[in-house]
């Protein structure tokens, strides 16, 4: 399989060298790997260029946006800067973060999954973070959800879902839409990826409000948003998340923020979410 990788990177000098080293030492190498250095003011570009000089399949794109680290549109806009430089000959497309260390067989095992299941649309491994000198499963990990840090898409699925949404919630709505179009989504617990910076460590208050906005834009409805906020607050051990998410949801509703999905897709998403809730409750 032809595997293409796009890595958006904003001031990742402390981590990106580890990420690129792990990807250039894979048992199955990517055909193309493009790093998008997005408004970097540190040595990220220099490190990326060193890898591009060493490996013919690695290229670098320099982009300018803002210094503010916000989930959603910033990273996806940078992703598309890299995607636009690629040809159309890929079988699998990866959107990876620049603060990960991948096991050496990561791409090979992913390719095997996609080969074995022709309806597999999106796949990925699990993120582990360092805690007291031990690598432990990141506490927001969900076996039914692939982290935005390490998404891999089959080409047809990527096209069916309309590619990626430049919005907060992009890494949830992609999987929901994949299921809407009858694609399978798979996590592989054996693919243990070291996440060098815990998710959300640089998010500010406004970013948390945007999480609630995302749930509105995916047409969750208020009750599912409330249940989701409680679940996330419990996992992250921050009760204030509930009020932040609900405030973001209500602000989006009052401002008539455009939805990310159609009414039909929204109805499907709500059924899917309720089925998941009932299943966990034992119904």
C-alpha atoms as a PDB file:
ATOM      1  CA  UNK A   1       0.000   0.000   0.000  1.00  0.00           C
ATOM      2  CA  UNK A   2       1.098   3.560  -0.730  1.00  0.00           C
ATOM      3  CA  UNK A   3       1.118   5.393   2.587  1.00  0.00           C
ATOM      4  CA  UNK A   4       1.291   9.191   2.651  1.00  0.00           C
ATOM      5  CA  UNK A   5       1.795  11.140   5.887  1.00  0.00           C
ATOM      6  CA  UNK A   6       1.136  14.802   6.704  1.00  0.00           C
ATOM      7  CA  UNK A   7       2.466  16.231   9.974  1.00  0.00           C
ATOM      8  CA  UNK A   8       1.391  19.749  10.995  1.00  0.00           C
ATOM      9  CA  UNK A   9       3.940  21.203  13.422  1.00  0.00           C
ATOM     10  CA  UNK A  10       3.968  24.425  15.421  1.00  0.00           C
ATOM     11  CA  UNK A  11       7.089  25.001  17.567  1.00  0.00           C
ATOM     12  CA  UNK A  12       7.823  21.305  18.097  1.00  0.00           C
ATOM     13  CA  UNK A  13      11.635  21.448  18.320  1.00  0.00           C
ATOM     14  CA  UNK A  14      11.645  19.370  21.520  1.00  0.00           C
ATOM     15  CA  UNK A  15       9.681  16.506  19.973  1.00  0.00           C
ATOM     16  CA  UNK A  16       9.622  16.422  16.189  1.00  0.00           C
ATOM     17  CA  UNK A  17      13.056  14.828  15.846  1.00  0.00           C
ATOM     18  CA  UNK A  18      11.819  11.787  17.796  1.00  0.00           C
ATOM     19  CA  UNK A  19       8.680  11.593  15.673  1.00  0.00           C
ATOM     20  CA  UNK A  20      10.537  11.748  12.367  1.00  0.00           C
ATOM     21  CA  UNK A  21      13.181   9.295  13.511  1.00  0.00           C
ATOM     22  CA  UNK A  22      10.507   6.750  14.402  1.00  0.00           C
ATOM     23  CA  UNK A  23       8.739   7.192  11.064  1.00  0.00           C
ATOM     24  CA  UNK A  24      11.889   6.976   8.951  1.00  0.00           C
ATOM     25  CA  UNK A  25      12.804   3.707  10.673  1.00  0.00           C
ATOM     26  CA  UNK A  26       9.525   1.898   9.959  1.00  0.00           C
ATOM     27  CA  UNK A  27       9.540  -1.674   8.632  1.00  0.00           C
ATOM     28  CA  UNK A  28       7.126  -0.358   5.978  1.00  0.00           C
ATOM     29  CA  UNK A  29       8.207   3.107   4.934  1.00  0.00           C
ATOM     30  CA  UNK A  30       5.771   5.765   3.724  1.00  0.00           C
ATOM     31  CA  UNK A  31       5.933   6.761   0.071  1.00  0.00           C
ATOM     32  CA  UNK A  32       5.654  10.426   0.988  1.00  0.00           C
ATOM     33  CA  UNK A  33       5.943  12.311   4.276  1.00  0.00           C
ATOM     34  CA  UNK A  34       5.401  16.053   4.389  1.00  0.00           C
ATOM     35  CA  UNK A  35       5.995  18.231   7.454  1.00  0.00           C
ATOM     36  CA  UNK A  36       4.139  21.522   7.600  1.00  0.00           C
ATOM     37  CA  UNK A  37       5.992  23.968   9.829  1.00  0.00           C
ATOM     38  CA  UNK A  38       3.198  26.313  10.844  1.00  0.00           C
ATOM     39  CA  UNK A  39       4.347  29.746  11.993  1.00  0.00           C
ATOM     40  CA  UNK A  40       7.312  28.255  13.827  1.00  0.00           C
ATOM     41  CA  UNK A  41       9.642  30.555  15.763  1.00  0.00           C
ATOM     42  CA  UNK A  42      11.967  27.845  17.071  1.00  0.00           C
ATOM     43  CA  UNK A  43      14.138  25.194  15.376  1.00  0.00           C
ATOM     44  CA  UNK A  44      11.282  23.007  14.092  1.00  0.00           C
ATOM     45  CA  UNK A  45      11.926  23.998  10.475  1.00  0.00           C
ATOM     46  CA  UNK A  46      15.651  23.344  10.767  1.00  0.00           C
ATOM     47  CA  UNK A  47      15.112  19.869  12.215  1.00  0.00           C
ATOM     48  CA  UNK A  48      12.520  19.016   9.565  1.00  0.00           C
ATOM     49  CA  UNK A  49      14.833  20.169   6.787  1.00  0.00           C
ATOM     50  CA  UNK A  50      17.619  17.937   8.100  1.00  0.00           C
ATOM     51  CA  UNK A  51      15.357  14.903   7.676  1.00  0.00           C
ATOM     52  CA  UNK A  52      14.277  16.091   4.212  1.00  0.00           C
ATOM     53  CA  UNK A  53      17.939  16.285   3.166  1.00  0.00           C
ATOM     54  CA  UNK A  54      18.521  12.727   4.381  1.00  0.00           C
ATOM     55  CA  UNK A  55      15.357  10.955   3.191  1.00  0.00           C
ATOM     56  CA  UNK A  56      14.050  11.403  -0.347  1.00  0.00           C
ATOM     57  CA  UNK A  57      10.423  10.748   0.632  1.00  0.00           C
ATOM     58  CA  UNK A  58      10.412  13.567   3.222  1.00  0.00           C
ATOM     59  CA  UNK A  59       9.491  17.132   2.226  1.00  0.00           C
ATOM     60  CA  UNK A  60       8.864  20.332   4.168  1.00  0.00           C
ATOM     61  CA  UNK A  61       6.256  23.037   3.664  1.00  0.00           C
ATOM     62  CA  UNK A  62       6.476  26.320   5.560  1.00  0.00           C
ATOM     63  CA  UNK A  63       3.193  27.986   6.468  1.00  0.00           C
ATOM     64  CA  UNK A  64       2.227  31.132   8.344  1.00  0.00           C
ATOM     65  CA  UNK A  65      -0.837  31.384  10.583  1.00  0.00           C
ATOM     66  CA  UNK A  66      -1.010  32.497  14.225  1.00  0.00           C
ATOM     67  CA  UNK A  67       0.977  31.692  17.347  1.00  0.00           C
ATOM     68  CA  UNK A  68      -2.138  30.844  19.347  1.00  0.00           C
ATOM     69  CA  UNK A  69      -2.539  27.109  19.983  1.00  0.00           C
ATOM     70  CA  UNK A  70      -6.200  26.222  19.491  1.00  0.00           C
ATOM     71  CA  UNK A  71      -7.789  22.872  18.691  1.00  0.00           C
ATOM     72  CA  UNK A  72      -9.527  22.531  15.357  1.00  0.00           C
ATOM     73  CA  UNK A  73      -9.112  24.845  12.411  1.00  0.00           C
ATOM     74  CA  UNK A  74      -5.449  25.756  12.907  1.00  0.00           C
ATOM     75  CA  UNK A  75      -4.111  22.222  12.712  1.00  0.00           C
ATOM     76  CA  UNK A  76      -6.420  21.177   9.872  1.00  0.00           C
ATOM     77  CA  UNK A  77      -5.609  24.250   7.810  1.00  0.00           C
ATOM     78  CA  UNK A  78      -1.926  23.373   8.247  1.00  0.00           C
ATOM     79  CA  UNK A  79      -2.698  19.763   7.322  1.00  0.00           C
ATOM     80  CA  UNK A  80      -4.252  20.870   4.032  1.00  0.00           C
ATOM     81  CA  UNK A  81      -1.195  22.990   3.242  1.00  0.00           C
ATOM     82  CA  UNK A  82       0.731  19.729   3.196  1.00  0.00           C
ATOM     83  CA  UNK A  83      -1.999  17.637   1.586  1.00  0.00           C
ATOM     84  CA  UNK A  84      -2.169  20.024  -1.371  1.00  0.00           C
ATOM     85  CA  UNK A  85       1.467  19.225  -2.225  1.00  0.00           C
ATOM     86  CA  UNK A  86       0.805  15.478  -2.550  1.00  0.00           C
ATOM     87  CA  UNK A  87      -0.210  13.577  -5.663  1.00  0.00           C
ATOM     88  CA  UNK A  88      -3.318  11.378  -5.761  1.00  0.00           C
ATOM     89  CA  UNK A  89      -1.579   7.991  -5.730  1.00  0.00           C
ATOM     90  CA  UNK A  90      -2.015   7.205  -2.044  1.00  0.00           C
ATOM     91  CA  UNK A  91      -3.932   4.248  -0.634  1.00  0.00           C
ATOM     92  CA  UNK A  92      -3.702   5.364   2.992  1.00  0.00           C
ATOM     93  CA  UNK A  93      -3.411   8.928   4.264  1.00  0.00           C
ATOM     94  CA  UNK A  94      -2.099   9.666   7.755  1.00  0.00           C
ATOM     95  CA  UNK A  95      -2.545  12.830   9.767  1.00  0.00           C
ATOM     96  CA  UNK A  96       0.020  12.595  12.575  1.00  0.00           C
ATOM     97  CA  UNK A  97       1.061  15.011  15.304  1.00  0.00           C
ATOM     98  CA  UNK A  98       4.696  16.054  15.744  1.00  0.00           C
ATOM     99  CA  UNK A  99       5.061  14.885  19.354  1.00  0.00           C
ATOM    100  CA  UNK A 100       4.759  11.103  18.943  1.00  0.00           C
ATOM    101  CA  UNK A 101       7.116   8.138  18.907  1.00  0.00           C
ATOM    102  CA  UNK A 102       5.768   5.272  16.805  1.00  0.00           C
ATOM    103  CA  UNK A 103       6.716   1.612  17.254  1.00  0.00           C
ATOM    104  CA  UNK A 104       8.807   0.345  14.352  1.00  0.00           C
ATOM    105  CA  UNK A 105       6.062  -1.874  12.903  1.00  0.00           C
ATOM    106  CA  UNK A 106       3.297   0.724  13.212  1.00  0.00           C
ATOM    107  CA  UNK A 107       2.725   1.387   9.504  1.00  0.00           C
ATOM    108  CA  UNK A 108       3.183  -2.250   8.548  1.00  0.00           C
ATOM    109  CA  UNK A 109       0.511  -3.392  11.003  1.00  0.00           C
ATOM    110  CA  UNK A 110      -1.866  -0.643   9.936  1.00  0.00           C
ATOM    111  CA  UNK A 111      -1.466  -1.637   6.289  1.00  0.00           C
ATOM    112  CA  UNK A 112      -2.249  -5.224   7.282  1.00  0.00           C
ATOM    113  CA  UNK A 113      -5.501  -4.143   8.948  1.00  0.00           C
ATOM    114  CA  UNK A 114      -6.606  -2.218   5.862  1.00  0.00           C
ATOM    115  CA  UNK A 115      -5.691  -5.144   3.597  1.00  0.00           C
ATOM    116  CA  UNK A 116      -7.617  -7.649   5.736  1.00  0.00           C
ATOM    117  CA  UNK A 117     -10.766  -5.507   5.982  1.00  0.00           C
ATOM    118  CA  UNK A 118     -11.822  -3.827   2.750  1.00  0.00           C
ATOM    119  CA  UNK A 119     -14.463  -1.839   4.654  1.00  0.00           C
ATOM    120  CA  UNK A 120     -11.960  -0.424   7.140  1.00  0.00           C
ATOM    121  CA  UNK A 121     -12.063   3.341   6.689  1.00  0.00           C
ATOM    122  CA  UNK A 122     -10.104   4.776   9.640  1.00  0.00           C
ATOM    123  CA  UNK A 123      -7.617   3.127  11.999  1.00  0.00           C
ATOM    124  CA  UNK A 124      -5.013   3.946  14.630  1.00  0.00           C
ATOM    125  CA  UNK A 125      -3.209   2.874  17.769  1.00  0.00           C
ATOM    126  CA  UNK A 126      -3.255   3.992  21.403  1.00  0.00           C
ATOM    127  CA  UNK A 127      -1.430   6.931  22.980  1.00  0.00           C
ATOM    128  CA  UNK A 128       0.726   6.433  26.069  1.00  0.00           C
ATOM    129  CA  UNK A 129       2.146   9.208  28.248  1.00  0.00           C
ATOM    130  CA  UNK A 130       5.053   9.146  30.685  1.00  0.00           C
ATOM    131  CA  UNK A 131       4.105   9.147  34.355  1.00  0.00           C
ATOM    132  CA  UNK A 132       6.670   8.548  37.110  1.00  0.00           C
ATOM    133  CA  UNK A 133       9.142   7.138  34.593  1.00  0.00           C
ATOM    134  CA  UNK A 134       6.547   4.664  33.261  1.00  0.00           C
ATOM    135  CA  UNK A 135       4.578   4.806  30.015  1.00  0.00           C
ATOM    136  CA  UNK A 136       0.879   4.532  30.852  1.00  0.00           C
ATOM    137  CA  UNK A 137      -2.269   4.676  28.750  1.00  0.00           C
ATOM    138  CA  UNK A 138      -3.438   8.270  28.373  1.00  0.00           C
ATOM    139  CA  UNK A 139      -6.572   8.620  30.484  1.00  0.00           C
ATOM    140  CA  UNK A 140      -8.794  10.037  27.731  1.00  0.00           C
ATOM    141  CA  UNK A 141      -8.211   6.989  25.539  1.00  0.00           C
ATOM    142  CA  UNK A 142     -11.367   5.302  24.246  1.00  0.00           C
ATOM    143  CA  UNK A 143     -11.243   1.978  22.401  1.00  0.00           C
ATOM    144  CA  UNK A 144     -14.081   3.205  20.169  1.00  0.00           C
ATOM    145  CA  UNK A 145     -12.295   6.401  19.121  1.00  0.00           C
ATOM    146  CA  UNK A 146      -9.021   7.042  17.307  1.00  0.00           C
ATOM    147  CA  UNK A 147      -7.108   9.985  18.673  1.00  0.00           C
ATOM    148  CA  UNK A 148      -6.709  12.992  16.396  1.00  0.00           C
ATOM    149  CA  UNK A 149      -2.966  12.731  16.921  1.00  0.00           C
ATOM    150  CA  UNK A 150      -2.665   9.553  14.842  1.00  0.00           C
ATOM    151  CA  UNK A 151      -5.418   9.139  12.267  1.00  0.00           C
ATOM    152  CA  UNK A 152      -5.018   6.930   9.188  1.00  0.00           C
ATOM    153  CA  UNK A 153      -7.663   7.016   6.433  1.00  0.00           C
ATOM    154  CA  UNK A 154      -8.398   4.804   3.469  1.00  0.00           C
ATOM    155  CA  UNK A 155      -8.521   7.013   0.399  1.00  0.00           C
ATOM    156  CA  UNK A 156     -12.162   6.307  -0.514  1.00  0.00           C
ATOM    157  CA  UNK A 157     -13.331   6.859   3.061  1.00  0.00           C
ATOM    158  CA  UNK A 158     -11.407  10.143   3.236  1.00  0.00           C
ATOM    159  CA  UNK A 159     -13.208  11.297   0.106  1.00  0.00           C
ATOM    160  CA  UNK A 160     -16.631  10.003   1.192  1.00  0.00           C
ATOM    161  CA  UNK A 161     -16.587  11.999   4.439  1.00  0.00           C
ATOM    162  CA  UNK A 162     -15.675  15.169   2.585  1.00  0.00           C
ATOM    163  CA  UNK A 163     -12.076  15.045   3.822  1.00  0.00           C
ATOM    164  CA  UNK A 164     -11.413  16.804   7.150  1.00  0.00           C
ATOM    165  CA  UNK A 165     -13.422  19.656   8.633  1.00  0.00           C
ATOM    166  CA  UNK A 166     -11.376  22.743   9.538  1.00  0.00           C
ATOM    167  CA  UNK A 167     -13.213  23.021  12.830  1.00  0.00           C
ATOM    168  CA  UNK A 168     -13.110  21.957  16.443  1.00  0.00           C
ATOM    169  CA  UNK A 169     -14.516  18.425  16.542  1.00  0.00           C
ATOM    170  CA  UNK A 170     -12.905  17.366  13.266  1.00  0.00           C
ATOM    171  CA  UNK A 171     -11.465  14.204  14.838  1.00  0.00           C
ATOM    172  CA  UNK A 172     -14.880  13.045  16.047  1.00  0.00           C
ATOM    173  CA  UNK A 173     -17.100  13.991  13.134  1.00  0.00           C
ATOM    174  CA  UNK A 174     -14.760  12.176  10.726  1.00  0.00           C
ATOM    175  CA  UNK A 175     -15.450   8.843  12.450  1.00  0.00           C
ATOM    176  CA  UNK A 176     -19.172   9.516  12.777  1.00  0.00           C
ATOM    177  CA  UNK A 177     -19.418  10.305   9.078  1.00  0.00           C
ATOM    178  CA  UNK A 178     -17.316   7.256   8.218  1.00  0.00           C
ATOM    179  CA  UNK A 179     -19.894   5.103  10.012  1.00  0.00           C
ATOM    180  CA  UNK A 180     -22.691   6.982   8.248  1.00  0.00           C
ATOM    181  CA  UNK A 181     -21.133   5.902   4.937  1.00  0.00           C
ATOM    182  CA  UNK A 182     -20.781   2.293   6.196  1.00  0.00           C
ATOM    183  CA  UNK A 183     -17.047   2.312   6.855  1.00  0.00           C
ATOM    184  CA  UNK A 184     -15.515   0.518   9.828  1.00  0.00           C
ATOM    185  CA  UNK A 185     -13.368   2.307  12.404  1.00  0.00           C
ATOM    186  CA  UNK A 186     -10.717   0.311  14.281  1.00  0.00           C
ATOM    187  CA  UNK A 187      -8.321   0.911  17.134  1.00  0.00           C
ATOM    188  CA  UNK A 188      -5.430  -1.483  17.743  1.00  0.00           C
ATOM    189  CA  UNK A 189      -4.402  -1.646  21.403  1.00  0.00           C
ATOM    190  CA  UNK A 190      -1.170  -3.424  20.469  1.00  0.00           C
ATOM    191  CA  UNK A 191       0.069  -0.325  18.612  1.00  0.00           C
ATOM    192  CA  UNK A 192       1.434   1.642  21.554  1.00  0.00           C
ATOM    193  CA  UNK A 193       2.488   5.151  20.574  1.00  0.00           C
ATOM    194  CA  UNK A 194       4.411   7.362  22.995  1.00  0.00           C
ATOM    195  CA  UNK A 195       2.746  10.749  23.296  1.00  0.00           C
ATOM    196  CA  UNK A 196       5.400  13.182  24.462  1.00  0.00           C
ATOM    197  CA  UNK A 197       2.978  15.954  25.395  1.00  0.00           C
ATOM    198  CA  UNK A 198      -0.396  15.136  27.020  1.00  0.00           C
ATOM    199  CA  UNK A 199      -3.463  16.159  25.039  1.00  0.00           C
ATOM    200  CA  UNK A 200      -4.926  19.525  25.942  1.00  0.00           C
ATOM    201  CA  UNK A 201      -1.957  20.685  28.015  1.00  0.00           C
ATOM    202  CA  UNK A 202      -1.833  23.932  26.054  1.00  0.00           C
ATOM    203  CA  UNK A 203      -5.593  24.497  25.659  1.00  0.00           C
ATOM    204  CA  UNK A 204      -6.977  27.701  27.132  1.00  0.00           C
ATOM    205  CA  UNK A 205     -10.439  28.559  28.440  1.00  0.00           C
ATOM    206  CA  UNK A 206     -11.743  29.518  25.013  1.00  0.00           C
ATOM    207  CA  UNK A 207     -10.641  26.156  23.630  1.00  0.00           C
ATOM    208  CA  UNK A 208     -12.811  24.399  26.206  1.00  0.00           C
ATOM    209  CA  UNK A 209     -15.808  26.473  25.131  1.00  0.00           C
ATOM    210  CA  UNK A 210     -15.130  25.380  21.571  1.00  0.00           C
ATOM    211  CA  UNK A 211     -15.534  21.743  22.604  1.00  0.00           C
ATOM    212  CA  UNK A 212     -19.148  22.505  23.476  1.00  0.00           C
ATOM    213  CA  UNK A 213     -19.500  24.356  20.197  1.00  0.00           C
ATOM    214  CA  UNK A 214     -18.307  21.246  18.381  1.00  0.00           C
ATOM    215  CA  UNK A 215     -21.034  19.146  19.965  1.00  0.00           C
ATOM    216  CA  UNK A 216     -23.618  21.662  18.800  1.00  0.00           C
ATOM    217  CA  UNK A 217     -22.177  21.650  15.273  1.00  0.00           C
ATOM    218  CA  UNK A 218     -22.345  17.839  15.172  1.00  0.00           C
ATOM    219  CA  UNK A 219     -26.056  18.079  16.089  1.00  0.00           C
ATOM    220  CA  UNK A 220     -25.674  16.128  19.344  1.00  0.00           C
ATOM    221  CA  UNK A 221     -28.514  17.957  21.049  1.00  0.00           C
ATOM    222  CA  UNK A 222     -28.338  19.317  24.610  1.00  0.00           C
ATOM    223  CA  UNK A 223     -28.819  16.078  26.538  1.00  0.00           C
ATOM    224  CA  UNK A 224     -26.115  14.114  24.726  1.00  0.00           C
ATOM    225  CA  UNK A 225     -23.807  17.126  25.103  1.00  0.00           C
ATOM    226  CA  UNK A 226     -24.460  17.155  28.854  1.00  0.00           C
ATOM    227  CA  UNK A 227     -23.767  13.423  29.187  1.00  0.00           C
ATOM    228  CA  UNK A 228     -20.580  13.757  27.105  1.00  0.00           C
ATOM    229  CA  UNK A 229     -19.392  16.716  29.196  1.00  0.00           C
ATOM    230  CA  UNK A 230     -19.939  14.790  32.447  1.00  0.00           C
ATOM    231  CA  UNK A 231     -18.009  11.814  31.053  1.00  0.00           C
ATOM    232  CA  UNK A 232     -15.061  13.979  29.962  1.00  0.00           C
ATOM    233  CA  UNK A 233     -15.056  15.913  33.250  1.00  0.00           C
ATOM    234  CA  UNK A 234     -14.867  12.617  35.126  1.00  0.00           C
ATOM    235  CA  UNK A 235     -11.967  11.376  32.979  1.00  0.00           C
ATOM    236  CA  UNK A 236     -10.005  14.610  33.246  1.00  0.00           C
ATOM    237  CA  UNK A 237     -11.015  15.174  36.890  1.00  0.00           C
ATOM    238  CA  UNK A 238     -12.105  18.765  36.234  1.00  0.00           C
ATOM    239  CA  UNK A 239     -15.735  19.473  37.158  1.00  0.00           C
ATOM    240  CA  UNK A 240     -15.581  22.910  35.493  1.00  0.00           C
ATOM    241  CA  UNK A 241     -15.474  21.172  32.094  1.00  0.00           C
ATOM    242  CA  UNK A 242     -19.224  20.563  32.356  1.00  0.00           C
ATOM    243  CA  UNK A 243     -20.116  24.255  32.585  1.00  0.00           C
ATOM    244  CA  UNK A 244     -17.511  25.182  29.950  1.00  0.00           C
ATOM    245  CA  UNK A 245     -18.885  22.689  27.430  1.00  0.00           C
ATOM    246  CA  UNK A 246     -22.510  23.650  28.056  1.00  0.00           C
ATOM    247  CA  UNK A 247     -21.673  27.351  27.780  1.00  0.00           C
ATOM    248  CA  UNK A 248     -19.927  26.701  24.459  1.00  0.00           C
ATOM    249  CA  UNK A 249     -22.901  24.694  23.235  1.00  0.00           C
ATOM    250  CA  UNK A 250     -25.413  27.398  24.169  1.00  0.00           C
ATOM    251  CA  UNK A 251     -23.277  30.168  22.667  1.00  0.00           C
ATOM    252  CA  UNK A 252     -23.074  28.296  19.376  1.00  0.00           C
ATOM    253  CA  UNK A 253     -26.832  27.733  19.413  1.00  0.00           C
ATOM    254  CA  UNK A 254     -27.659  31.360  20.195  1.00  0.00           C
ATOM    255  CA  UNK A 255     -25.288  32.569  17.464  1.00  0.00           C
ATOM    256  CA  UNK A 256     -26.669  30.105  14.882  1.00  0.00           C
ATOM    257  CA  UNK A 257     -23.208  28.672  14.161  1.00  0.00           C
ATOM    258  CA  UNK A 258     -23.359  26.535  10.974  1.00  0.00           C
ATOM    259  CA  UNK A 259     -23.564  22.774  11.462  1.00  0.00           C
ATOM    260  CA  UNK A 260     -20.852  20.377  10.274  1.00  0.00           C
ATOM    261  CA  UNK A 261     -23.349  17.707   9.207  1.00  0.00           C
ATOM    262  CA  UNK A 262     -26.700  17.504   7.434  1.00  0.00           C
ATOM    263  CA  UNK A 263     -29.972  16.845   9.251  1.00  0.00           C
ATOM    264  CA  UNK A 264     -29.891  13.229   8.066  1.00  0.00           C
ATOM    265  CA  UNK A 265     -26.327  12.772   9.256  1.00  0.00           C
ATOM    266  CA  UNK A 266     -27.194  14.454  12.555  1.00  0.00           C
ATOM    267  CA  UNK A 267     -30.101  12.054  13.150  1.00  0.00           C
ATOM    268  CA  UNK A 268     -27.756   9.131  12.465  1.00  0.00           C
ATOM    269  CA  UNK A 269     -25.161  10.551  14.874  1.00  0.00           C
ATOM    270  CA  UNK A 270     -27.707  10.967  17.657  1.00  0.00           C
ATOM    271  CA  UNK A 271     -28.955   7.384  17.207  1.00  0.00           C
ATOM    272  CA  UNK A 272     -25.358   6.166  17.292  1.00  0.00           C
ATOM    273  CA  UNK A 273     -24.613   8.123  20.458  1.00  0.00           C
ATOM    274  CA  UNK A 274     -27.765   6.987  22.235  1.00  0.00           C
ATOM    275  CA  UNK A 275     -27.090   3.363  21.308  1.00  0.00           C
ATOM    276  CA  UNK A 276     -23.618   3.710  22.815  1.00  0.00           C
ATOM    277  CA  UNK A 277     -25.033   5.230  26.005  1.00  0.00           C
ATOM    278  CA  UNK A 278     -27.675   2.501  26.359  1.00  0.00           C
ATOM    279  CA  UNK A 279     -25.077  -0.195  25.764  1.00  0.00           C
ATOM    280  CA  UNK A 280     -22.844   1.152  28.530  1.00  0.00           C
ATOM    281  CA  UNK A 281     -25.838   1.293  30.856  1.00  0.00           C
ATOM    282  CA  UNK A 282     -26.596  -2.356  30.109  1.00  0.00           C
ATOM    283  CA  UNK A 283     -29.796  -1.851  28.123  1.00  0.00           C
END
